Amino acid sequence: MEQPQGFELIKYKLKFIDKTYWGVFIALALFAVIELFSASSTQVFKSGSFFGPVWHNFRFILLGGMFSFVAQLFPSKLVRKVGNIVFWVSVACLYLIIIPGSPFVSRINGAERWFDLFGFRFQPSELAKLGLIIVVAERLSKAQTDEELVKAFYTTLGMAALVIFPVLLGNLSTAVLMASVVLMMWFLARVPFKYIGAVIAIAVVLAISGYFIVEYGYVRAHRPLTGPFKRAVTWVNRVDDFIADLGTDKSGSDSSAPLVIDGDNYQKSHANIAVARGGKAPWGVLPGNSVERNFLPLAFADYIFSIIVEETGLIGAVLLIVIYMVILFRACYTSSRYADYGSMLMVMGLALMLTMQAFISMAVAVGMGPVTGQPLPMVSWGGTSVLVTSLYFAILMCVSREQNELEARVEASRAASYDDVPKVQIEN
């Protein structure tokens, strides 16, 4: 089959772009623009511009969409090579911002997660998530024997630990999310379960031990915790609050008692009120009619799903859940027919990262999990997160396009082979 060249090659590739992923991308962009317009009232007040906050995100969405359109035409092997560079750059940035007194760290909303380089700020943890998935998929896919697979396991374990440790110091939920995706990729790569189980057991023991040390050594003793793990007190308090909510004896409580909203439960209480208002009708109170957007400090970011439920009710919530599930189902379909093992692992890792982050963010917003601070991919207000999510889509669409091209070439070759079969005339 003759290979297209130049502009014909671009036209050939555009013919096989994945319309399903583009539909999901556009749907999430519409959710973002509509809901950010409603949820960003506090940002409007601070900026003094009615359209400023929405325009901020729309620019990043537009830039991410244009980049995704171009990047989907590149070969996936090039993506994996660039992914290795992204991984090591993100690791360097992560360690630079945890150095005490580092000039590269920027504090926003009390968190020191942003890398500042001559006024350009971004979250290295977002790039680290992307880079980690790519390098883990690359290393695991090269293993041809059981011995090589075990060696790849230890290599990826070391790389995961290298990048997760600095992330853990500032953002526990992101570190847990990254570790969970790596565990699932090991499972998909058929790493022996005794190795995966050992990692899980060690992590559980460390987590439980750390919880009790901080709980009884600092929280209940009212002692301040300093050093690199100073945020552990915040994590333990959030877990304690969530456990307390689960253990509340509702049968013995006074349902007529008024709800007392204080500094400890302010965000959670107003998020629950938003969900309750949205539950009064299947379609909610309709976009633009949110009340809780004026009370939730992070309604445009961590708690935007609460505003979505308030304004669109069960219909909007279910629709958004389905949209994120389509990402995972489409990734399963693409990877199941793809011949490149490394691309298959990469696609599944990216899809798992997106969907798991989305469900964690939604669970927290409706009170089904402790506060984590995870943004809703593509929908929450942000810059780095929107661009990195667009990169996820670009890679997913790149691999899917290659698969569509491969199938077209196979079909064309099969049809050509049929034409080459000599026609035999059978005489009576």
Protein backbone atom coordinates (compact mmCIF):
# COMPACT_ATOMS: atom_id res chain seq x y z
CA MET A 1 0.00 0.00 0.00
CA GLU A 2 1.47 3.36 -1.02
CA GLN A 3 2.20 5.69 1.93
CA PRO A 4 0.73 9.23 1.74
CA GLN A 5 3.23 12.08 1.92
CA GLY A 6 3.19 15.74 2.96
CA PHE A 7 -0.22 17.36 3.21
CA GLU A 8 -1.86 14.15 2.04
CA LEU A 9 -0.43 12.45 5.14
CA ILE A 10 -2.08 15.03 7.40
CA LYS A 11 -5.40 14.59 5.60
CA TYR A 12 -5.00 10.84 5.93
CA LYS A 13 -4.44 11.09 9.67
CA LEU A 14 -7.31 13.53 10.20
CA LYS A 15 -9.62 10.97 8.65
CA PHE A 16 -8.98 8.63 11.58
CA ILE A 17 -9.22 11.01 14.55
CA ASP A 18 -11.23 9.69 17.49
CA LYS A 19 -14.56 11.50 17.50
CA THR A 20 -15.61 9.96 20.81
CA TYR A 21 -12.72 11.52 22.73
CA TRP A 22 -13.36 14.84 21.03
CA GLY A 23 -17.02 14.63 22.03
CA VAL A 24 -15.99 14.07 25.66
CA PHE A 25 -13.47 16.92 25.49
CA ILE A 26 -16.06 19.36 24.13
CA ALA A 27 -18.71 18.21 26.62
CA LEU A 28 -16.37 18.80 29.58
CA ALA A 29 -15.38 22.18 28.15
CA LEU A 30 -19.05 23.19 27.97
CA PHE A 31 -19.61 22.03 31.55
CA ALA A 32 -16.58 24.09 32.60
CA VAL A 33 -17.64 27.30 30.89
CA ILE A 34 -21.27 27.12 32.05
CA GLU A 35 -20.60 26.13 35.65
CA LEU A 36 -17.57 28.38 36.13
CA PHE A 37 -19.76 31.27 35.04
CA SER A 38 -22.04 30.40 37.96
CA ALA A 39 -19.50 29.27 40.53
CA SER A 40 -16.87 32.00 40.22
CA SER A 41 -18.72 34.80 42.01
CA THR A 42 -15.94 35.18 44.59
CA GLN A 43 -13.35 35.38 41.82
CA VAL A 44 -15.50 37.99 40.06
CA PHE A 45 -15.55 40.05 43.26
CA LYS A 46 -11.77 39.82 43.69
CA SER A 47 -10.93 40.56 40.06
CA GLY A 48 -13.59 43.18 39.49
CA SER A 49 -14.37 41.65 36.11
CA PHE A 50 -17.64 39.85 35.42
CA PHE A 51 -16.20 37.67 32.66
CA GLY A 52 -12.59 37.62 33.91
CA PRO A 53 -12.57 34.25 35.76
CA VAL A 54 -14.47 32.46 33.01
CA TRP A 55 -12.25 33.98 30.32
CA HIS A 56 -9.20 32.85 32.32
CA ASN A 57 -10.24 29.22 32.10
CA PHE A 58 -11.65 29.47 28.60
CA ARG A 59 -8.24 30.61 27.33
CA PHE A 60 -6.58 27.56 28.82
CA ILE A 61 -9.31 25.27 27.46
CA LEU A 62 -8.96 26.83 24.00
CA LEU A 63 -5.16 26.55 24.14
CA GLY A 64 -5.42 22.95 25.36
CA GLY A 65 -7.87 22.08 22.60
CA MET A 66 -5.62 23.50 19.88
CA PHE A 67 -2.61 21.70 21.30
CA SER A 68 -4.57 18.42 21.53
CA PHE A 69 -5.65 18.77 17.90
CA VAL A 70 -2.03 19.07 16.74
CA ALA A 71 -0.52 16.59 19.20
CA GLN A 72 -2.95 13.81 18.26
CA LEU A 73 -1.23 13.62 14.87
CA PHE A 74 2.19 12.79 16.34
CA PRO A 75 3.34 9.16 16.69
CA SER A 76 2.83 7.59 20.11
CA LYS A 77 6.50 6.51 20.23
CA LEU A 78 7.50 10.18 20.16
CA VAL A 79 5.02 10.85 22.96
CA ARG A 80 6.70 8.21 25.12
CA LYS A 81 10.15 9.74 24.49
CA VAL A 82 8.91 13.20 25.45
CA GLY A 83 7.19 11.67 28.48
CA ASN A 84 10.55 10.60 29.87
CA ILE A 85 11.77 14.20 29.66
CA VAL A 86 8.58 15.44 31.35
CA PHE A 87 9.09 12.94 34.17
CA TRP A 88 12.63 14.00 35.02
CA VAL A 89 11.86 17.72 34.67
CA SER A 90 8.90 17.36 37.03
CA VAL A 91 11.04 15.43 39.54
CA ALA A 92 13.64 18.23 39.52
CA CYS A 93 10.94 20.87 40.04
CA LEU A 94 9.30 18.90 42.86
CA TYR A 95 12.52 18.64 44.81
CA LEU A 96 13.40 22.27 44.20
CA ILE A 97 10.16 23.48 45.84
CA ILE A 98 10.60 21.37 48.99
CA ILE A 99 14.01 22.87 49.75
CA PRO A 100 13.61 25.24 52.73
CA GLY A 101 13.81 28.84 51.55
CA SER A 102 13.71 27.85 47.89
CA PRO A 103 13.27 30.88 45.60
CA PHE A 104 11.26 28.77 43.17
CA VAL A 105 8.31 28.01 45.45
CA SER A 106 5.08 30.00 45.28
CA ARG A 107 2.37 29.85 47.94
CA ILE A 108 -1.29 29.94 46.84
CA ASN A 109 -4.23 29.44 49.25
CA GLY A 110 -1.77 28.43 51.96
CA ALA A 111 -0.22 25.57 49.95
CA GLU A 112 3.33 25.53 48.63
CA ARG A 113 2.71 23.43 45.51
CA TRP A 114 3.55 25.88 42.75
CA PHE A 115 6.88 26.24 40.98
CA ASP A 116 7.64 29.86 40.13
CA LEU A 117 10.11 30.62 37.36
CA PHE A 118 10.36 34.32 36.46
CA GLY A 119 6.66 34.83 37.19
CA PHE A 120 5.50 31.71 35.34
CA ARG A 121 3.80 29.41 37.85
CA PHE A 122 2.71 25.82 37.45
CA GLN A 123 2.15 22.72 39.60
CA PRO A 124 4.95 20.17 39.06
CA SER A 125 2.72 17.46 40.56
CA GLU A 126 0.38 17.69 37.56
CA LEU A 127 3.25 17.10 35.16
CA ALA A 128 4.61 14.39 37.46
CA LYS A 129 1.36 12.41 37.21
CA LEU A 130 1.57 12.43 33.43
CA GLY A 131 5.28 11.66 33.28
CA LEU A 132 5.04 8.84 35.83
CA ILE A 133 2.36 7.02 33.85
CA ILE A 134 4.38 7.24 30.64
CA VAL A 135 7.68 6.01 32.13
CA VAL A 136 5.99 3.17 34.06
CA ALA A 137 4.23 2.00 30.90
CA GLU A 138 7.48 2.23 28.95
CA ARG A 139 9.50 0.20 31.47
CA LEU A 140 6.86 -2.49 31.97
CA SER A 141 6.23 -2.94 28.24
CA LYS A 142 9.89 -3.75 27.57
CA ALA A 143 9.85 -6.82 29.84
CA GLN A 144 9.83 -10.00 27.74
CA THR A 145 10.42 -12.63 30.44
CA ASP A 146 9.33 -13.13 34.05
CA GLU A 147 12.79 -12.10 35.26
CA GLU A 148 12.67 -8.91 33.21
CA LEU A 149 9.16 -8.17 34.52
CA VAL A 150 10.34 -8.45 38.13
CA LYS A 151 13.27 -6.15 37.31
CA ALA A 152 10.88 -3.69 35.67
CA PHE A 153 8.70 -3.83 38.80
CA TYR A 154 11.59 -2.79 41.04
CA THR A 155 12.63 -0.08 38.56
CA THR A 156 9.13 1.40 38.37
CA LEU A 157 8.76 1.09 42.16
CA GLY A 158 11.88 3.19 42.61
CA MET A 159 10.75 5.76 40.05
CA ALA A 160 7.31 5.97 41.66
CA ALA A 161 8.81 6.43 45.12
CA LEU A 162 11.17 9.09 43.76
CA VAL A 163 8.32 11.25 42.48
CA ILE A 164 5.61 10.41 45.03
CA PHE A 165 7.70 11.34 48.09
CA PRO A 166 7.95 15.12 47.37
CA VAL A 167 4.30 15.15 46.26
CA LEU A 168 3.31 13.48 49.55
CA LEU A 169 4.82 16.28 51.61
CA GLY A 170 2.36 18.80 50.20
CA ASN A 171 -0.55 16.83 48.80
CA LEU A 172 -1.48 13.46 50.30
CA SER A 173 -4.45 12.81 48.01
CA THR A 174 -2.39 13.31 44.84
CA ALA A 175 0.31 10.99 46.18
CA VAL A 176 -2.28 8.29 46.97
CA LEU A 177 -3.86 8.76 43.54
CA MET A 178 -0.52 8.34 41.76
CA ALA A 179 0.34 5.26 43.82
CA SER A 180 -3.06 3.69 43.09
CA VAL A 181 -2.69 4.14 39.33
CA VAL A 182 0.81 2.61 39.39
CA LEU A 183 -0.58 -0.38 41.33
CA MET A 184 -3.26 -0.88 38.68
CA MET A 185 -0.70 -0.64 35.90
CA TRP A 186 1.36 -3.35 37.62
CA PHE A 187 -1.76 -5.48 37.73
CA LEU A 188 -2.45 -4.89 34.03
CA ALA A 189 1.17 -5.77 33.23
CA ARG A 190 0.69 -9.05 35.15
CA VAL A 191 3.32 -8.39 37.77
CA PRO A 192 3.15 -11.31 40.27
CA PHE A 193 0.65 -10.44 43.00
CA LYS A 194 3.10 -11.24 45.79
CA TYR A 195 5.09 -8.16 44.81
CA ILE A 196 2.00 -5.95 44.49
CA GLY A 197 0.60 -7.33 47.75
CA ALA A 198 3.87 -6.63 49.56
CA VAL A 199 3.82 -2.99 48.44
CA ILE A 200 0.19 -2.61 49.52
CA ALA A 201 0.88 -4.22 52.92
CA ILE A 202 3.87 -1.97 53.59
CA ALA A 203 1.91 1.13 52.54
CA VAL A 204 -1.03 0.21 54.79
CA VAL A 205 1.25 -0.40 57.79
CA LEU A 206 3.02 2.92 57.25
CA ALA A 207 -0.28 4.79 56.82
CA ILE A 208 -1.87 3.32 59.96
CA SER A 209 1.30 3.83 62.02
CA GLY A 210 1.62 7.41 60.81
CA TYR A 211 -2.02 8.12 61.59
CA PHE A 212 -1.77 6.93 65.21
CA ILE A 213 1.55 8.68 65.77
CA VAL A 214 0.15 12.02 64.61
CA GLU A 215 -3.27 11.46 66.23
CA TYR A 216 -2.00 10.65 69.73
CA GLY A 217 1.37 12.37 69.62
CA TYR A 218 0.27 15.72 68.22
CA VAL A 219 -3.46 16.19 67.55
CA ARG A 220 -4.80 14.97 70.91
CA ALA A 221 -1.75 16.25 72.76
CA HIS A 222 -2.30 19.67 71.13
CA ARG A 223 1.32 19.80 70.05
CA PRO A 224 2.41 21.53 66.84
CA LEU A 225 4.06 19.39 64.20
CA THR A 226 6.96 20.94 62.36
CA GLY A 227 9.24 19.74 59.61
CA PRO A 228 8.50 18.28 56.18
CA PHE A 229 5.42 16.39 57.41
CA LYS A 230 3.79 19.37 59.11
CA ARG A 231 0.63 18.97 56.99
CA ALA A 232 0.06 15.53 58.54
CA VAL A 233 -1.97 17.20 61.30
CA THR A 234 -4.35 18.58 58.66
CA TRP A 235 -4.68 15.15 57.03
CA VAL A 236 -5.45 13.45 60.35
CA ASN A 237 -8.02 16.11 61.27
CA ARG A 238 -9.79 15.60 57.95
CA VAL A 239 -9.88 11.84 58.43
CA ASP A 240 -11.15 12.32 62.01
CA ASP A 241 -13.94 14.60 60.78
CA PHE A 242 -14.97 12.10 58.13
CA ILE A 243 -14.96 9.19 60.60
CA ALA A 244 -16.98 11.28 63.07
CA ASP A 245 -19.59 11.96 60.38
CA LEU A 246 -19.81 8.25 59.55
CA GLY A 247 -20.16 7.31 63.21
CA THR A 248 -22.89 9.81 64.02
CA ASP A 249 -25.87 8.08 65.62
CA LYS A 250 -28.64 9.62 63.57
CA SER A 251 -31.36 7.62 65.29
CA GLY A 252 -30.52 9.22 68.63
CA SER A 253 -29.83 12.71 67.40
CA ASP A 254 -32.24 15.62 67.53
CA SER A 255 -33.26 16.21 63.93
CA SER A 256 -34.88 19.51 64.88
CA ALA A 257 -31.61 20.93 66.21
CA PRO A 258 -30.28 23.74 64.03
CA LEU A 259 -27.17 23.16 61.99
CA VAL A 260 -24.23 25.00 63.47
CA ILE A 261 -21.74 26.05 60.80
CA ASP A 262 -18.32 27.02 62.07
CA GLY A 263 -14.78 27.18 60.74
CA ASP A 264 -14.30 23.42 61.01
CA ASN A 265 -17.27 22.38 58.88
CA TYR A 266 -17.87 25.52 56.83
CA GLN A 267 -16.99 24.19 53.37
CA LYS A 268 -18.48 20.76 53.96
CA SER A 269 -21.74 22.16 55.33
CA HIS A 270 -22.33 24.57 52.47
CA ALA A 271 -21.42 21.85 49.96
CA ASN A 272 -24.06 19.61 51.56
CA ILE A 273 -26.59 22.44 51.42
CA ALA A 274 -25.86 22.91 47.70
CA VAL A 275 -26.40 19.19 47.07
CA ALA A 276 -29.65 19.25 49.09
CA ARG A 277 -30.97 22.23 47.08
CA GLY A 278 -30.17 20.46 43.83
CA GLY A 279 -31.95 17.32 45.00
CA LYS A 280 -35.32 19.03 45.25
CA ALA A 281 -35.87 18.54 41.51
CA PRO A 282 -34.23 16.18 38.96
CA TRP A 283 -32.97 19.21 37.03
CA GLY A 284 -31.85 21.21 40.09
CA VAL A 285 -32.40 24.95 40.43
CA LEU A 286 -31.12 25.50 36.85
CA PRO A 287 -27.81 27.16 35.85
CA GLY A 288 -27.29 30.66 37.17
CA ASN A 289 -29.54 30.21 40.23
CA SER A 290 -26.99 28.86 42.69
CA VAL A 291 -27.02 30.35 46.18
CA GLU A 292 -24.19 28.41 47.75
CA ARG A 293 -21.66 29.74 45.23
CA ASN A 294 -21.63 32.88 47.39
CA PHE A 295 -20.67 30.91 50.51
CA LEU A 296 -18.30 28.19 49.29
CA PRO A 297 -14.78 29.70 49.17
CA LEU A 298 -13.63 27.17 46.54
CA ALA A 299 -16.90 26.73 44.68
CA PHE A 300 -15.09 27.27 41.38
CA ALA A 301 -12.35 24.72 42.18
CA ASP A 302 -12.51 21.83 44.65
CA TYR A 303 -16.28 22.03 45.21
CA ILE A 304 -17.52 22.83 41.74
CA PHE A 305 -19.37 19.50 41.58
CA SER A 306 -21.54 20.69 44.49
CA ILE A 307 -22.59 23.70 42.41
CA ILE A 308 -23.20 21.42 39.40
CA VAL A 309 -25.53 19.25 41.50
CA GLU A 310 -27.26 22.34 42.91
CA GLU A 311 -27.90 23.84 39.48
CA THR A 312 -28.50 20.74 37.34
CA GLY A 313 -29.66 18.19 39.92
CA LEU A 314 -29.51 14.47 39.41
CA ILE A 315 -29.64 14.82 35.62
CA GLY A 316 -26.49 16.93 35.42
CA ALA A 317 -24.63 14.83 38.00
CA VAL A 318 -25.38 11.55 36.21
CA LEU A 319 -24.53 13.06 32.83
CA LEU A 320 -21.13 14.22 34.10
CA ILE A 321 -20.43 10.81 35.65
CA VAL A 322 -21.29 9.11 32.35
CA ILE A 323 -18.96 11.46 30.46
CA TYR A 324 -16.02 10.48 32.67
CA MET A 325 -16.93 6.80 32.43
CA VAL A 326 -16.86 7.08 28.62
CA ILE A 327 -13.16 8.00 28.90
CA LEU A 328 -12.42 4.75 30.72
CA PHE A 329 -14.62 2.58 28.50
CA ARG A 330 -13.12 4.09 25.36
CA ALA A 331 -9.61 3.48 26.69
CA CYS A 332 -10.48 -0.16 27.39
CA TYR A 333 -11.81 -0.53 23.85
CA THR A 334 -8.75 1.14 22.29
CA SER A 335 -6.20 -0.82 24.32
CA SER A 336 -7.97 -4.13 23.71
CA ARG A 337 -7.31 -3.89 19.94
CA TYR A 338 -3.90 -2.21 20.03
CA ALA A 339 -0.80 -4.18 19.09
CA ASP A 340 1.66 -1.88 20.90
CA TYR A 341 1.83 -3.10 24.50
CA GLY A 342 3.48 0.09 25.77
CA SER A 343 0.76 2.28 24.26
CA MET A 344 -1.92 0.03 25.76
CA LEU A 345 -0.51 0.43 29.28
CA MET A 346 -0.08 4.16 28.77
CA VAL A 347 -3.68 4.62 27.61
CA MET A 348 -5.09 2.64 30.53
CA GLY A 349 -2.92 4.53 33.03
CA LEU A 350 -4.03 7.93 31.69
CA ALA A 351 -7.71 6.95 31.63
CA LEU A 352 -7.51 5.55 35.17
CA MET A 353 -5.84 8.74 36.42
CA LEU A 354 -8.54 10.95 34.88
CA THR A 355 -11.54 8.93 36.03
CA MET A 356 -10.21 8.21 39.53
CA GLN A 357 -9.40 11.88 40.10
CA ALA A 358 -12.87 12.83 38.86
CA PHE A 359 -14.65 10.39 41.16
CA ILE A 360 -12.54 11.42 44.17
CA SER A 361 -13.38 15.07 43.53
CA MET A 362 -17.09 14.31 43.12
CA ALA A 363 -17.17 12.07 46.21
CA VAL A 364 -15.64 14.80 48.37
CA ALA A 365 -18.05 17.42 47.02
CA VAL A 366 -21.11 15.37 48.06
CA GLY A 367 -19.69 14.33 51.45
CA MET A 368 -18.70 10.77 50.57
CA GLY A 369 -15.01 11.20 51.37
CA PRO A 370 -12.60 13.29 53.44
CA VAL A 371 -11.57 16.66 52.05
CA THR A 372 -8.75 16.19 49.54
CA GLY A 373 -8.50 19.26 47.32
CA GLN A 374 -8.57 17.29 44.06
CA PRO A 375 -9.91 19.38 41.15
CA LEU A 376 -12.51 18.03 38.77
CA PRO A 377 -10.53 17.35 35.56
CA MET A 378 -11.16 19.93 32.83
CA VAL A 379 -14.06 21.50 34.77
CA SER A 380 -12.51 23.06 37.88
CA TRP A 381 -10.92 26.49 37.67
CA GLY A 382 -7.19 26.31 36.98
CA GLY A 383 -4.37 26.66 34.52
CA THR A 384 -1.84 23.86 34.82
CA SER A 385 -4.51 21.24 35.51
CA VAL A 386 -6.51 22.21 32.41
CA LEU A 387 -3.46 22.10 30.13
CA VAL A 388 -2.22 18.79 31.54
CA THR A 389 -5.71 17.28 31.20
CA SER A 390 -5.66 18.40 27.57
CA LEU A 391 -2.35 16.53 27.22
CA TYR A 392 -4.06 13.41 28.56
CA PHE A 393 -6.70 13.72 25.86
CA ALA A 394 -4.08 14.40 23.19
CA ILE A 395 -2.24 11.16 24.03
CA LEU A 396 -5.45 9.13 24.22
CA MET A 397 -6.54 10.48 20.84
CA CYS A 398 -3.09 9.89 19.37
CA VAL A 399 -3.10 6.20 20.26
CA SER A 400 -6.70 5.76 19.12
CA ARG A 401 -5.92 7.41 15.76
CA GLU A 402 -2.98 5.09 15.23
CA GLN A 403 -5.19 2.11 15.93
CA ASN A 404 -7.79 3.31 13.41
CA GLU A 405 -5.04 3.79 10.83
CA LEU A 406 -3.67 0.32 11.50
CA GLU A 407 -7.06 -1.28 11.00
CA ALA A 408 -7.55 0.65 7.76
CA ARG A 409 -4.18 -0.52 6.45
CA VAL A 410 -4.95 -4.13 7.37
CA GLU A 411 -8.29 -3.96 5.58
CA ALA A 412 -6.69 -2.36 2.51
CA SER A 413 -3.97 -5.03 2.41
CA ARG A 414 -6.58 -7.78 2.76
CA ALA A 415 -8.65 -6.30 -0.06
CA ALA A 416 -5.55 -6.00 -2.27
CA SER A 417 -4.62 -9.62 -1.62
CA TYR A 418 -8.08 -10.71 -2.73
CA ASP A 419 -7.66 -8.79 -5.99
CA ASP A 420 -4.36 -10.60 -6.65
CA VAL A 421 -5.97 -14.02 -6.50
CA PRO A 422 -6.15 -15.36 -10.09
CA LYS A 423 -9.68 -15.88 -11.35
CA VAL A 424 -10.25 -19.50 -12.37
CA GLN A 425 -12.97 -20.32 -14.81
CA ILE A 426 -14.51 -23.73 -14.33
CA GLU A 427 -15.70 -25.38 -17.48
CA ASN A 428 -18.78 -27.55 -17.44
